[in-house]
C-alpha atoms as a PDB file:
ATOM      1  CA  UNK A   1       0.026  -0.065   0.115  1.00  0.00           C
ATOM      2  CA  UNK A   2       1.527   3.456  -1.174  1.00  0.00           C
ATOM      3  CA  UNK A   3       1.096   6.329   1.374  1.00  0.00           C
ATOM      4  CA  UNK A   4       1.938   9.903   0.686  1.00  0.00           C
ATOM      5  CA  UNK A   5       5.028  11.091   3.184  1.00  0.00           C
ATOM      6  CA  UNK A   6       4.118  13.070   5.937  1.00  0.00           C
ATOM      7  CA  UNK A   7       5.537  16.310   6.339  1.00  0.00           C
ATOM      8  CA  UNK A   8       5.170  17.399  10.097  1.00  0.00           C
ATOM      9  CA  UNK A   9       5.960  20.891   9.123  1.00  0.00           C
ATOM     10  CA  UNK A  10       3.237  23.472  10.331  1.00  0.00           C
ATOM     11  CA  UNK A  11       4.156  25.992   7.480  1.00  0.00           C
ATOM     12  CA  UNK A  12       3.419  23.005   4.967  1.00  0.00           C
ATOM     13  CA  UNK A  13      -0.348  22.905   4.500  1.00  0.00           C
ATOM     14  CA  UNK A  14       0.143  20.840   1.074  1.00  0.00           C
ATOM     15  CA  UNK A  15      -0.672  17.549   3.020  1.00  0.00           C
ATOM     16  CA  UNK A  16      -4.228  19.149   4.147  1.00  0.00           C
ATOM     17  CA  UNK A  17      -5.275  20.149   0.961  1.00  0.00           C
ATOM     18  CA  UNK A  18      -7.710  17.585  -0.629  1.00  0.00           C
ATOM     19  CA  UNK A  19      -7.624  19.417  -4.191  1.00  0.00           C
ATOM     20  CA  UNK A  20      -3.746  18.369  -4.703  1.00  0.00           C
ATOM     21  CA  UNK A  21      -3.458  15.028  -6.334  1.00  0.00           C
ATOM     22  CA  UNK A  22      -0.574  14.313  -3.935  1.00  0.00           C
ATOM     23  CA  UNK A  23      -1.730  15.248  -0.610  1.00  0.00           C
ATOM     24  CA  UNK A  24      -2.111  12.844   2.161  1.00  0.00           C
ATOM     25  CA  UNK A  25      -5.669  14.508   2.891  1.00  0.00           C
ATOM     26  CA  UNK A  26      -6.867  13.665  -0.751  1.00  0.00           C
ATOM     27  CA  UNK A  27      -5.544   9.713   0.013  1.00  0.00           C
ATOM     28  CA  UNK A  28      -7.316   9.935   3.471  1.00  0.00           C
ATOM     29  CA  UNK A  29     -10.574  11.539   1.827  1.00  0.00           C
ATOM     30  CA  UNK A  30     -10.457   8.850  -0.834  1.00  0.00           C
ATOM     31  CA  UNK A  31     -10.556   6.009   1.549  1.00  0.00           C
ATOM     32  CA  UNK A  32     -13.395   7.152   3.946  1.00  0.00           C
ATOM     33  CA  UNK A  33     -15.684   8.716   0.913  1.00  0.00           C
ATOM     34  CA  UNK A  34     -16.313   5.479  -0.882  1.00  0.00           C
ATOM     35  CA  UNK A  35     -19.844   3.697  -0.598  1.00  0.00           C
ATOM     36  CA  UNK A  36     -18.630   0.651   1.567  1.00  0.00           C
ATOM     37  CA  UNK A  37     -17.144   2.737   3.934  1.00  0.00           C
ATOM     38  CA  UNK A  38     -19.776   4.924   4.459  1.00  0.00           C
ATOM     39  CA  UNK A  39     -22.239   2.156   4.882  1.00  0.00           C
ATOM     40  CA  UNK A  40     -19.697   0.465   7.309  1.00  0.00           C
ATOM     41  CA  UNK A  41     -19.583   3.770   9.449  1.00  0.00           C
ATOM     42  CA  UNK A  42     -23.467   4.067   9.272  1.00  0.00           C
ATOM     43  CA  UNK A  43     -23.685   0.514  10.356  1.00  0.00           C
ATOM     44  CA  UNK A  44     -21.348   0.540  13.412  1.00  0.00           C
ATOM     45  CA  UNK A  45     -22.782   4.099  14.461  1.00  0.00           C
ATOM     46  CA  UNK A  46     -22.565   3.783  18.301  1.00  0.00           C
ATOM     47  CA  UNK A  47     -22.291   0.224  18.809  1.00  0.00           C
ATOM     48  CA  UNK A  48     -19.409  -2.502  18.679  1.00  0.00           C
ATOM     49  CA  UNK A  49     -20.048  -5.130  16.043  1.00  0.00           C
ATOM     50  CA  UNK A  50     -18.048  -8.437  15.190  1.00  0.00           C
ATOM     51  CA  UNK A  51     -17.183  -9.146  11.726  1.00  0.00           C
ATOM     52  CA  UNK A  52     -20.316 -11.200  10.810  1.00  0.00           C
ATOM     53  CA  UNK A  53     -22.851  -8.658  12.357  1.00  0.00           C
ATOM     54  CA  UNK A  54     -20.974  -6.068  10.054  1.00  0.00           C
ATOM     55  CA  UNK A  55     -21.375  -7.905   6.971  1.00  0.00           C
ATOM     56  CA  UNK A  56     -25.171  -8.957   7.666  1.00  0.00           C
ATOM     57  CA  UNK A  57     -25.526  -5.190   8.604  1.00  0.00           C
ATOM     58  CA  UNK A  58     -23.979  -4.058   5.268  1.00  0.00           C
ATOM     59  CA  UNK A  59     -26.101  -5.721   2.479  1.00  0.00           C
ATOM     60  CA  UNK A  60     -24.321  -6.742  -0.447  1.00  0.00           C
ATOM     61  CA  UNK A  61     -20.534  -6.398   0.689  1.00  0.00           C
ATOM     62  CA  UNK A  62     -18.284  -9.337   0.138  1.00  0.00           C
ATOM     63  CA  UNK A  63     -16.141 -10.842   2.771  1.00  0.00           C
ATOM     64  CA  UNK A  64     -13.171  -9.689   0.940  1.00  0.00           C
ATOM     65  CA  UNK A  65     -14.368  -6.180   0.526  1.00  0.00           C
ATOM     66  CA  UNK A  66     -15.595  -5.673   4.393  1.00  0.00           C
ATOM     67  CA  UNK A  67     -12.139  -7.092   4.966  1.00  0.00           C
ATOM     68  CA  UNK A  68     -10.366  -4.363   2.957  1.00  0.00           C
ATOM     69  CA  UNK A  69     -12.482  -1.740   3.695  1.00  0.00           C
ATOM     70  CA  UNK A  70     -12.518  -1.883   7.511  1.00  0.00           C
ATOM     71  CA  UNK A  71      -8.320  -2.403   7.354  1.00  0.00           C
ATOM     72  CA  UNK A  72      -8.444   0.686   5.235  1.00  0.00           C
ATOM     73  CA  UNK A  73     -10.594   2.418   8.042  1.00  0.00           C
ATOM     74  CA  UNK A  74      -8.422   0.776  10.675  1.00  0.00           C
ATOM     75  CA  UNK A  75      -5.376   2.204   9.013  1.00  0.00           C
ATOM     76  CA  UNK A  76      -7.157   5.677   8.758  1.00  0.00           C
ATOM     77  CA  UNK A  77      -7.943   5.955  12.511  1.00  0.00           C
ATOM     78  CA  UNK A  78     -11.720   5.719  12.097  1.00  0.00           C
ATOM     79  CA  UNK A  79     -12.339   2.234  13.005  1.00  0.00           C
ATOM     80  CA  UNK A  80     -11.019   0.332  16.148  1.00  0.00           C
ATOM     81  CA  UNK A  81     -10.207  -3.556  15.893  1.00  0.00           C
ATOM     82  CA  UNK A  82     -10.085  -5.321  18.825  1.00  0.00           C
ATOM     83  CA  UNK A  83      -9.117  -9.127  19.109  1.00  0.00           C
ATOM     84  CA  UNK A  84     -10.045 -11.112  21.881  1.00  0.00           C
ATOM     85  CA  UNK A  85      -7.761 -13.881  22.607  1.00  0.00           C
ATOM     86  CA  UNK A  86     -10.426 -16.696  22.446  1.00  0.00           C
ATOM     87  CA  UNK A  87     -10.791 -19.977  20.118  1.00  0.00           C
ATOM     88  CA  UNK A  88     -11.669 -18.720  17.782  1.00  0.00           C
ATOM     89  CA  UNK A  89     -10.584 -15.514  17.808  1.00  0.00           C
ATOM     90  CA  UNK A  90     -13.393 -12.885  18.494  1.00  0.00           C
ATOM     91  CA  UNK A  91     -12.740  -9.895  16.673  1.00  0.00           C
ATOM     92  CA  UNK A  92     -15.031  -6.583  17.437  1.00  0.00           C
ATOM     93  CA  UNK A  93     -15.044  -3.034  15.697  1.00  0.00           C
ATOM     94  CA  UNK A  94     -16.094   0.107  16.737  1.00  0.00           C
ATOM     95  CA  UNK A  95     -15.788   3.645  15.767  1.00  0.00           C
ATOM     96  CA  UNK A  96     -12.974   5.785  17.006  1.00  0.00           C
ATOM     97  CA  UNK A  97     -12.905   9.238  18.015  1.00  0.00           C
ATOM     98  CA  UNK A  98     -12.733  10.225  14.578  1.00  0.00           C
ATOM     99  CA  UNK A  99     -14.991   7.915  13.410  1.00  0.00           C
ATOM    100  CA  UNK A 100     -17.610   9.342  15.664  1.00  0.00           C
ATOM    101  CA  UNK A 101     -16.930  12.600  14.422  1.00  0.00           C
ATOM    102  CA  UNK A 102     -17.378  11.355  10.555  1.00  0.00           C
ATOM    103  CA  UNK A 103     -20.516   9.568  11.558  1.00  0.00           C
ATOM    104  CA  UNK A 104     -22.342  12.942  11.801  1.00  0.00           C
ATOM    105  CA  UNK A 105     -21.443  13.681   8.003  1.00  0.00           C
ATOM    106  CA  UNK A 106     -22.581  10.125   7.156  1.00  0.00           C
ATOM    107  CA  UNK A 107     -25.881  10.516   9.120  1.00  0.00           C
ATOM    108  CA  UNK A 108     -26.376  13.863   7.262  1.00  0.00           C
ATOM    109  CA  UNK A 109     -25.661  12.147   3.622  1.00  0.00           C
ATOM    110  CA  UNK A 110     -28.142   9.406   4.679  1.00  0.00           C
ATOM    111  CA  UNK A 111     -30.707  11.933   5.329  1.00  0.00           C
ATOM    112  CA  UNK A 112     -30.194  13.785   2.244  1.00  0.00           C
ATOM    113  CA  UNK A 113     -30.414  10.741   0.152  1.00  0.00           C
ATOM    114  CA  UNK A 114     -33.926   9.833   1.991  1.00  0.00           C
ATOM    115  CA  UNK A 115     -35.132  13.769   1.364  1.00  0.00           C
ATOM    116  CA  UNK A 116     -34.019  13.766  -2.279  1.00  0.00           C
ATOM    117  CA  UNK A 117     -34.588  10.311  -3.380  1.00  0.00           C
ATOM    118  CA  UNK A 118     -37.700  10.833  -5.487  1.00  0.00           C
ATOM    119  CA  UNK A 119     -36.171  13.834  -7.089  1.00  0.00           C
ATOM    120  CA  UNK A 120     -32.803  12.088  -8.161  1.00  0.00           C
ATOM    121  CA  UNK A 121     -35.027   9.091  -9.324  1.00  0.00           C
ATOM    122  CA  UNK A 122     -37.092  11.757 -11.496  1.00  0.00           C
ATOM    123  CA  UNK A 123     -33.889  13.701 -12.446  1.00  0.00           C
ATOM    124  CA  UNK A 124     -32.302  10.082 -13.757  1.00  0.00           C
ATOM    125  CA  UNK A 125     -35.432   8.921 -15.639  1.00  0.00           C
ATOM    126  CA  UNK A 126     -35.291  12.462 -17.570  1.00  0.00           C
ATOM    127  CA  UNK A 127     -31.452  12.203 -18.016  1.00  0.00           C
ATOM    128  CA  UNK A 128     -31.615   8.783 -19.475  1.00  0.00           C
ATOM    129  CA  UNK A 129     -34.462   9.433 -21.747  1.00  0.00           C
ATOM    130  CA  UNK A 130     -32.907  12.245 -23.102  1.00  0.00           C
ATOM    131  CA  UNK A 131     -29.281  10.370 -23.725  1.00  0.00           C
ATOM    132  CA  UNK A 132     -31.448   7.449 -25.371  1.00  0.00           C
ATOM    133  CA  UNK A 133     -33.038  10.137 -27.522  1.00  0.00           C
ATOM    134  CA  UNK A 134     -29.521  11.519 -28.620  1.00  0.00           C
ATOM    135  CA  UNK A 135     -28.361   8.140 -29.121  1.00  0.00           C
ATOM    136  CA  UNK A 136     -31.310   7.396 -31.414  1.00  0.00           C
ATOM    137  CA  UNK A 137     -31.125  10.559 -33.415  1.00  0.00           C
ATOM    138  CA  UNK A 138     -27.509   9.489 -33.586  1.00  0.00           C
ATOM    139  CA  UNK A 139     -28.246   6.126 -35.386  1.00  0.00           C
ATOM    140  CA  UNK A 140     -30.729   7.905 -37.795  1.00  0.00           C
ATOM    141  CA  UNK A 141     -27.911  10.507 -38.841  1.00  0.00           C
ATOM    142  CA  UNK A 142     -25.219   7.896 -39.257  1.00  0.00           C
ATOM    143  CA  UNK A 143     -27.103   6.037 -41.629  1.00  0.00           C
END
């Protein structure tokens, strides 16, 4: 896994600039702002869940994708992973303080989605119809 170099220079704000392709902030942003990460953060909420419980809470996620996403979130300090010394090992996940802070944003995104779901469906239908009409016209012109 490639990681951007962290420079601990207070006069060097480039690492915090998400608009820069080479910034650490953009790398972190890319890790936490994907569909699976957002759904995992939403599922954890203020709970501690085991791997299987998380997998059941996030419909459609594969074992591999859940593992990869949890590792990334743990690496970025968003999720805490606790392994209990039992046979078989019991592993639990919970949000860290940073994850809890991010949860407010995730909750707002979920609320936004619910609020504008109908408008988004309508816009998609209009767009798809317009694109289909344009494709049909292009085929006729191209004959």
